[in-house]
Amino acid sequence: MKILLLNGVNLNMLGRRDPKFYGTDTLSQLEDKVVSYASQRGATVQCRQSNCEGELVNILQQTDCDAVIFNAGAYSHYSYALRDCIECISVPVAEVHMSDVDNREQFRRNDVLADVCVARFTGKGTRSYLDAVDFFTAK
């Protein structure tokens, strides 16, 4: 299985952004953990990140992976462009968030991607990503 690990807006700031919500790992360290974990489960991972909504749409539309683990960041709360993209591609997408977005600021509780994703993993830091790997690699 080939998995696309796609991180969106501001995820490149991991390691510098509020550690109580996002931990201290950098994006590179997070990606390394996911790649290693997935490898132990027989999957390969392709890692991408962009702060640009249109670029995220392009990446999703052009992926040749079997599944996508996607942290859209703040775009999860209002990007109908990403929602429509996920709805029309044939690749299953699992949404992840490091923090518990359902118990943070009111605006973060709105999630326009949830109903077009096959699964959602939130509030466990890096473990949210690993849970998504488990979801896709479960036999």
N, C-alpha and C. Protein backbone atom coordinates (compact mmCIF):
# COMPACT_ATOMS: atom_id res chain seq x y z
N MET A 1 0.83 -1.18 0.00
CA MET A 1 0.00 0.00 0.00
C MET A 1 0.88 1.24 0.00
N LYS A 2 0.49 2.20 -0.80
CA LYS A 2 1.19 3.48 -0.88
C LYS A 2 0.26 4.56 -0.33
N ILE A 3 0.75 5.29 0.69
CA ILE A 3 -0.04 6.31 1.37
C ILE A 3 0.57 7.68 1.12
N LEU A 4 -0.28 8.63 0.78
CA LEU A 4 0.13 10.04 0.71
C LEU A 4 -0.12 10.66 2.07
N LEU A 5 0.92 11.20 2.68
CA LEU A 5 0.81 11.97 3.92
C LEU A 5 0.84 13.44 3.51
N LEU A 6 -0.29 14.10 3.58
CA LEU A 6 -0.42 15.47 3.11
C LEU A 6 -0.72 16.39 4.29
N ASN A 7 0.15 17.35 4.51
CA ASN A 7 -0.03 18.34 5.56
C ASN A 7 -0.25 19.70 4.93
N GLY A 8 -1.21 20.42 5.49
CA GLY A 8 -1.61 21.70 4.94
C GLY A 8 -1.04 22.89 5.66
N VAL A 9 -1.82 23.92 5.65
CA VAL A 9 -1.42 25.25 6.08
C VAL A 9 -0.86 25.26 7.51
N ASN A 10 0.30 25.88 7.65
CA ASN A 10 1.00 26.09 8.92
C ASN A 10 1.59 24.84 9.56
N LEU A 11 1.42 23.67 8.95
CA LEU A 11 2.02 22.47 9.54
C LEU A 11 3.54 22.49 9.39
N ASN A 12 4.05 23.31 8.48
CA ASN A 12 5.50 23.49 8.38
C ASN A 12 6.07 24.20 9.61
N MET A 13 5.20 24.74 10.45
CA MET A 13 5.63 25.45 11.67
C MET A 13 5.68 24.54 12.89
N LEU A 14 5.43 23.24 12.70
CA LEU A 14 5.53 22.32 13.84
C LEU A 14 6.91 22.42 14.47
N GLY A 15 6.94 22.30 15.76
CA GLY A 15 8.19 22.44 16.51
C GLY A 15 8.39 23.86 17.02
N ARG A 16 7.70 24.80 16.37
CA ARG A 16 7.76 26.21 16.79
C ARG A 16 6.39 26.71 17.24
N ARG A 17 5.35 26.05 16.78
CA ARG A 17 3.99 26.46 17.09
C ARG A 17 3.59 25.90 18.46
N ASP A 18 2.66 26.52 19.10
CA ASP A 18 2.18 26.21 20.45
C ASP A 18 2.33 24.72 20.82
N PRO A 19 3.38 24.37 21.58
CA PRO A 19 3.65 22.96 21.89
C PRO A 19 2.57 22.29 22.73
N LYS A 20 1.76 23.02 23.48
CA LYS A 20 0.72 22.36 24.28
C LYS A 20 -0.33 21.73 23.38
N PHE A 21 -0.49 22.25 22.17
CA PHE A 21 -1.43 21.67 21.22
C PHE A 21 -0.75 20.78 20.18
N TYR A 22 0.47 21.14 19.80
CA TYR A 22 1.10 20.51 18.65
C TYR A 22 2.39 19.75 18.96
N GLY A 23 2.80 19.72 20.21
CA GLY A 23 4.01 19.01 20.58
C GLY A 23 5.26 19.76 20.14
N THR A 24 6.39 19.07 20.23
CA THR A 24 7.68 19.71 19.93
C THR A 24 8.34 19.15 18.68
N ASP A 25 7.78 18.10 18.10
CA ASP A 25 8.36 17.54 16.87
C ASP A 25 8.21 18.52 15.71
N THR A 26 9.22 18.58 14.87
CA THR A 26 9.12 19.34 13.63
C THR A 26 8.32 18.52 12.62
N LEU A 27 7.96 19.15 11.51
CA LEU A 27 7.26 18.42 10.46
C LEU A 27 8.11 17.27 9.96
N SER A 28 9.40 17.51 9.78
CA SER A 28 10.30 16.46 9.31
C SER A 28 10.34 15.28 10.28
N GLN A 29 10.38 15.56 11.57
CA GLN A 29 10.38 14.49 12.57
C GLN A 29 9.06 13.72 12.56
N LEU A 30 7.96 14.44 12.42
CA LEU A 30 6.65 13.79 12.32
C LEU A 30 6.60 12.89 11.10
N GLU A 31 7.04 13.40 9.96
CA GLU A 31 7.04 12.59 8.73
C GLU A 31 7.90 11.34 8.89
N ASP A 32 9.08 11.49 9.49
CA ASP A 32 9.95 10.33 9.71
C ASP A 32 9.26 9.27 10.57
N LYS A 33 8.55 9.69 11.60
CA LYS A 33 7.84 8.74 12.46
C LYS A 33 6.75 8.01 11.69
N VAL A 34 6.00 8.74 10.87
CA VAL A 34 4.92 8.12 10.11
C VAL A 34 5.48 7.16 9.06
N VAL A 35 6.53 7.57 8.37
CA VAL A 35 7.16 6.71 7.36
C VAL A 35 7.65 5.42 8.00
N SER A 36 8.35 5.53 9.13
CA SER A 36 8.87 4.35 9.82
C SER A 36 7.75 3.44 10.30
N TYR A 37 6.74 4.02 10.91
CA TYR A 37 5.61 3.25 11.43
C TYR A 37 4.88 2.52 10.31
N ALA A 38 4.64 3.22 9.21
CA ALA A 38 3.94 2.61 8.07
C ALA A 38 4.78 1.49 7.46
N SER A 39 6.09 1.68 7.40
CA SER A 39 6.99 0.67 6.85
C SER A 39 6.87 -0.64 7.64
N GLN A 40 6.76 -0.54 8.95
CA GLN A 40 6.60 -1.72 9.80
C GLN A 40 5.29 -2.45 9.51
N ARG A 41 4.37 -1.76 8.87
CA ARG A 41 3.07 -2.35 8.53
C ARG A 41 2.94 -2.64 7.05
N GLY A 42 4.08 -2.60 6.34
CA GLY A 42 4.10 -2.96 4.93
C GLY A 42 3.66 -1.88 3.97
N ALA A 43 3.60 -0.65 4.41
CA ALA A 43 3.17 0.45 3.55
C ALA A 43 4.32 1.43 3.32
N THR A 44 4.26 2.10 2.20
CA THR A 44 5.19 3.19 1.92
C THR A 44 4.43 4.50 2.02
N VAL A 45 5.15 5.57 2.34
CA VAL A 45 4.52 6.87 2.53
C VAL A 45 5.26 7.92 1.71
N GLN A 46 4.48 8.70 1.01
CA GLN A 46 4.98 9.86 0.26
C GLN A 46 4.52 11.10 1.05
N CYS A 47 5.46 11.96 1.43
CA CYS A 47 5.14 13.13 2.26
C CYS A 47 5.14 14.40 1.44
N ARG A 48 4.09 15.21 1.64
CA ARG A 48 3.97 16.51 0.98
C ARG A 48 3.38 17.50 1.98
N GLN A 49 3.70 18.77 1.78
CA GLN A 49 3.13 19.85 2.59
C GLN A 49 3.01 21.09 1.72
N SER A 50 1.93 21.82 1.92
CA SER A 50 1.77 23.11 1.25
C SER A 50 0.90 24.02 2.10
N ASN A 51 1.21 25.30 2.04
CA ASN A 51 0.38 26.31 2.68
C ASN A 51 -0.68 26.85 1.74
N CYS A 52 -0.67 26.41 0.50
CA CYS A 52 -1.55 26.96 -0.54
C CYS A 52 -2.71 26.01 -0.84
N GLU A 53 -3.90 26.49 -0.68
CA GLU A 53 -5.10 25.69 -0.88
C GLU A 53 -5.14 25.06 -2.27
N GLY A 54 -4.87 25.83 -3.30
CA GLY A 54 -4.90 25.30 -4.66
C GLY A 54 -3.86 24.22 -4.89
N GLU A 55 -2.70 24.37 -4.30
CA GLU A 55 -1.66 23.35 -4.42
C GLU A 55 -2.09 22.05 -3.74
N LEU A 56 -2.75 22.16 -2.60
CA LEU A 56 -3.27 20.96 -1.92
C LEU A 56 -4.30 20.25 -2.80
N VAL A 57 -5.16 21.02 -3.46
CA VAL A 57 -6.13 20.44 -4.39
C VAL A 57 -5.39 19.72 -5.52
N ASN A 58 -4.38 20.36 -6.09
CA ASN A 58 -3.62 19.73 -7.18
C ASN A 58 -2.96 18.44 -6.72
N ILE A 59 -2.37 18.44 -5.55
CA ILE A 59 -1.70 17.24 -5.03
C ILE A 59 -2.72 16.11 -4.87
N LEU A 60 -3.87 16.42 -4.28
CA LEU A 60 -4.90 15.40 -4.10
C LEU A 60 -5.40 14.86 -5.43
N GLN A 61 -5.64 15.74 -6.39
CA GLN A 61 -6.16 15.30 -7.68
C GLN A 61 -5.16 14.46 -8.46
N GLN A 62 -3.88 14.68 -8.24
CA GLN A 62 -2.85 14.02 -9.03
C GLN A 62 -2.22 12.82 -8.34
N THR A 63 -2.63 12.52 -7.11
CA THR A 63 -1.97 11.42 -6.39
C THR A 63 -2.21 10.07 -7.06
N ASP A 64 -1.18 9.26 -7.02
CA ASP A 64 -1.31 7.87 -7.49
C ASP A 64 -1.25 6.91 -6.30
N CYS A 65 -1.43 7.44 -5.11
CA CYS A 65 -1.39 6.63 -3.89
C CYS A 65 -2.72 5.90 -3.70
N ASP A 66 -2.69 4.90 -2.82
CA ASP A 66 -3.88 4.11 -2.51
C ASP A 66 -4.76 4.75 -1.45
N ALA A 67 -4.18 5.63 -0.65
CA ALA A 67 -4.90 6.28 0.44
C ALA A 67 -4.19 7.58 0.79
N VAL A 68 -4.92 8.47 1.46
CA VAL A 68 -4.37 9.77 1.87
C VAL A 68 -4.64 9.99 3.35
N ILE A 69 -3.59 10.39 4.06
CA ILE A 69 -3.72 10.88 5.43
C ILE A 69 -3.51 12.39 5.32
N PHE A 70 -4.54 13.16 5.70
CA PHE A 70 -4.55 14.59 5.40
C PHE A 70 -4.85 15.41 6.65
N ASN A 71 -3.91 16.29 6.99
CA ASN A 71 -4.13 17.32 8.00
C ASN A 71 -4.17 18.64 7.24
N ALA A 72 -5.35 19.14 7.00
CA ALA A 72 -5.52 20.38 6.24
C ALA A 72 -5.29 21.62 7.09
N GLY A 73 -5.06 21.43 8.40
CA GLY A 73 -4.91 22.59 9.27
C GLY A 73 -6.20 23.40 9.28
N ALA A 74 -6.06 24.70 9.31
CA ALA A 74 -7.22 25.59 9.39
C ALA A 74 -8.14 25.47 8.18
N TYR A 75 -7.63 24.98 7.06
CA TYR A 75 -8.50 24.80 5.89
C TYR A 75 -9.64 23.83 6.18
N SER A 76 -9.47 22.97 7.15
CA SER A 76 -10.53 22.02 7.51
C SER A 76 -11.81 22.72 7.93
N HIS A 77 -11.68 23.94 8.40
CA HIS A 77 -12.82 24.65 8.97
C HIS A 77 -13.62 25.44 7.94
N TYR A 78 -13.06 25.62 6.73
CA TYR A 78 -13.79 26.46 5.79
C TYR A 78 -13.50 26.21 4.31
N SER A 79 -12.65 25.30 3.96
CA SER A 79 -12.28 25.13 2.56
C SER A 79 -13.23 24.18 1.83
N TYR A 80 -14.21 24.79 1.17
CA TYR A 80 -15.12 24.00 0.36
C TYR A 80 -14.42 23.49 -0.90
N ALA A 81 -13.37 24.17 -1.32
CA ALA A 81 -12.58 23.69 -2.47
C ALA A 81 -11.94 22.35 -2.14
N LEU A 82 -11.35 22.22 -0.96
CA LEU A 82 -10.76 20.94 -0.55
C LEU A 82 -11.84 19.89 -0.32
N ARG A 83 -12.95 20.30 0.25
CA ARG A 83 -14.06 19.37 0.47
C ARG A 83 -14.54 18.78 -0.85
N ASP A 84 -14.76 19.66 -1.83
CA ASP A 84 -15.24 19.20 -3.14
C ASP A 84 -14.21 18.30 -3.82
N CYS A 85 -12.95 18.62 -3.66
CA CYS A 85 -11.89 17.81 -4.24
C CYS A 85 -11.90 16.40 -3.64
N ILE A 86 -11.94 16.33 -2.32
CA ILE A 86 -11.94 15.02 -1.65
C ILE A 86 -13.16 14.21 -2.07
N GLU A 87 -14.28 14.89 -2.20
CA GLU A 87 -15.52 14.20 -2.59
C GLU A 87 -15.42 13.60 -3.99
N CYS A 88 -14.67 14.23 -4.89
CA CYS A 88 -14.67 13.76 -6.28
C CYS A 88 -13.49 12.86 -6.65
N ILE A 89 -12.49 12.72 -5.76
CA ILE A 89 -11.40 11.80 -6.10
C ILE A 89 -11.77 10.40 -5.63
N SER A 90 -11.15 9.41 -6.24
CA SER A 90 -11.50 8.02 -5.90
C SER A 90 -10.63 7.45 -4.78
N VAL A 91 -9.67 8.20 -4.31
CA VAL A 91 -8.75 7.74 -3.27
C VAL A 91 -9.35 8.06 -1.89
N PRO A 92 -9.40 7.09 -0.98
CA PRO A 92 -9.94 7.36 0.35
C PRO A 92 -9.02 8.29 1.15
N VAL A 93 -9.63 9.23 1.87
CA VAL A 93 -8.90 10.22 2.64
C VAL A 93 -9.30 10.11 4.11
N ALA A 94 -8.30 10.00 4.99
CA ALA A 94 -8.52 10.07 6.43
C ALA A 94 -8.04 11.43 6.90
N GLU A 95 -8.88 12.12 7.63
CA GLU A 95 -8.53 13.44 8.17
C GLU A 95 -7.86 13.27 9.53
N VAL A 96 -6.80 14.03 9.76
CA VAL A 96 -6.13 14.01 11.07
C VAL A 96 -5.93 15.43 11.58
N HIS A 97 -5.95 15.53 12.89
CA HIS A 97 -5.58 16.77 13.59
C HIS A 97 -4.83 16.37 14.84
N MET A 98 -3.75 17.08 15.12
CA MET A 98 -2.96 16.77 16.30
C MET A 98 -3.69 17.16 17.58
N SER A 99 -4.38 18.29 17.54
CA SER A 99 -5.09 18.75 18.73
C SER A 99 -6.54 18.28 18.69
N ASP A 100 -7.22 18.42 19.80
CA ASP A 100 -8.62 18.06 19.90
C ASP A 100 -9.46 19.25 19.44
N VAL A 101 -9.61 19.37 18.13
CA VAL A 101 -10.28 20.54 17.55
C VAL A 101 -11.73 20.67 18.01
N ASP A 102 -12.35 19.58 18.41
CA ASP A 102 -13.74 19.64 18.86
C ASP A 102 -13.89 20.27 20.24
N ASN A 103 -12.79 20.43 20.94
CA ASN A 103 -12.83 21.02 22.28
C ASN A 103 -11.90 22.23 22.39
N ARG A 104 -11.72 22.91 21.28
CA ARG A 104 -10.93 24.14 21.29
C ARG A 104 -11.85 25.33 20.97
N GLU A 105 -11.34 26.34 20.32
CA GLU A 105 -12.14 27.51 19.98
C GLU A 105 -13.34 27.11 19.12
N GLN A 106 -14.39 27.86 19.22
CA GLN A 106 -15.64 27.54 18.52
C GLN A 106 -15.42 27.38 17.02
N PHE A 107 -14.63 28.25 16.41
CA PHE A 107 -14.46 28.18 14.95
C PHE A 107 -13.78 26.88 14.52
N ARG A 108 -13.00 26.27 15.38
CA ARG A 108 -12.33 25.02 15.02
C ARG A 108 -13.29 23.82 15.06
N ARG A 109 -14.43 23.98 15.66
CA ARG A 109 -15.40 22.88 15.76
C ARG A 109 -16.15 22.66 14.46
N ASN A 110 -16.11 23.63 13.57
CA ASN A 110 -16.71 23.47 12.25
C ASN A 110 -15.72 22.73 11.36
N ASP A 111 -16.14 21.62 10.78
CA ASP A 111 -15.25 20.82 9.95
C ASP A 111 -15.97 20.48 8.65
N VAL A 112 -15.60 21.15 7.58
CA VAL A 112 -16.29 20.93 6.30
C VAL A 112 -15.76 19.70 5.57
N LEU A 113 -14.67 19.10 6.05
CA LEU A 113 -14.08 17.93 5.40
C LEU A 113 -14.60 16.61 5.97
N ALA A 114 -15.07 16.61 7.19
CA ALA A 114 -15.38 15.37 7.91
C ALA A 114 -16.32 14.45 7.15
N ASP A 115 -17.35 15.00 6.53
CA ASP A 115 -18.34 14.12 5.91
C ASP A 115 -17.90 13.53 4.58
N VAL A 116 -16.77 13.97 4.03
CA VAL A 116 -16.28 13.38 2.78
C VAL A 116 -15.02 12.53 3.01
N CYS A 117 -14.57 12.45 4.24
CA CYS A 117 -13.42 11.61 4.59
C CYS A 117 -13.92 10.27 5.13
N VAL A 118 -13.13 9.23 4.93
CA VAL A 118 -13.54 7.89 5.38
C VAL A 118 -13.32 7.68 6.87
N ALA A 119 -12.50 8.51 7.49
CA ALA A 119 -12.21 8.41 8.92
C ALA A 119 -11.64 9.73 9.38
N ARG A 120 -11.66 9.92 10.71
CA ARG A 120 -11.15 11.16 11.31
C ARG A 120 -10.46 10.80 12.62
N PHE A 121 -9.22 11.28 12.79
CA PHE A 121 -8.42 11.01 13.98
C PHE A 121 -7.92 12.33 14.54
N THR A 122 -8.28 12.64 15.79
CA THR A 122 -7.94 13.94 16.36
C THR A 122 -7.50 13.82 17.80
N GLY A 123 -6.76 14.84 18.23
CA GLY A 123 -6.49 15.02 19.65
C GLY A 123 -5.41 14.18 20.27
N LYS A 124 -4.65 13.46 19.46
CA LYS A 124 -3.62 12.57 20.03
C LYS A 124 -2.21 12.93 19.56
N GLY A 125 -2.02 14.13 19.08
CA GLY A 125 -0.70 14.50 18.60
C GLY A 125 -0.28 13.63 17.44
N THR A 126 0.97 13.19 17.46
CA THR A 126 1.50 12.32 16.41
C THR A 126 0.69 11.02 16.31
N ARG A 127 0.17 10.56 17.41
CA ARG A 127 -0.60 9.30 17.42
C ARG A 127 -1.82 9.38 16.49
N SER A 128 -2.37 10.57 16.29
CA SER A 128 -3.49 10.72 15.35
C SER A 128 -3.08 10.23 13.97
N TYR A 129 -1.87 10.56 13.55
CA TYR A 129 -1.36 10.12 12.25
C TYR A 129 -1.15 8.61 12.23
N LEU A 130 -0.60 8.08 13.31
CA LEU A 130 -0.34 6.64 13.37
C LEU A 130 -1.64 5.84 13.39
N ASP A 131 -2.65 6.38 14.04
CA ASP A 131 -3.97 5.73 14.02
C ASP A 131 -4.52 5.68 12.59
N ALA A 132 -4.27 6.72 11.82
CA ALA A 132 -4.71 6.72 10.42
C ALA A 132 -3.95 5.67 9.62
N VAL A 133 -2.66 5.51 9.89
CA VAL A 133 -1.88 4.45 9.25
C VAL A 133 -2.50 3.10 9.60
N ASP A 134 -2.78 2.89 10.87
CA ASP A 134 -3.41 1.62 11.30
C ASP A 134 -4.73 1.40 10.57
N PHE A 135 -5.52 2.44 10.43
CA PHE A 135 -6.81 2.32 9.74
C PHE A 135 -6.63 1.81 8.32
N PHE A 136 -5.67 2.38 7.61
CA PHE A 136 -5.48 2.00 6.21
C PHE A 136 -4.74 0.67 6.04
N THR A 137 -3.94 0.28 7.01
CA THR A 137 -3.14 -0.95 6.85
C THR A 137 -3.77 -2.14 7.56
N ALA A 138 -4.90 -1.95 8.23
CA ALA A 138 -5.57 -3.06 8.92
C ALA A 138 -5.95 -4.12 7.89
N LYS A 139 -5.70 -5.34 8.23
CA LYS A 139 -6.01 -6.46 7.30
C LYS A 139 -7.36 -7.02 7.60
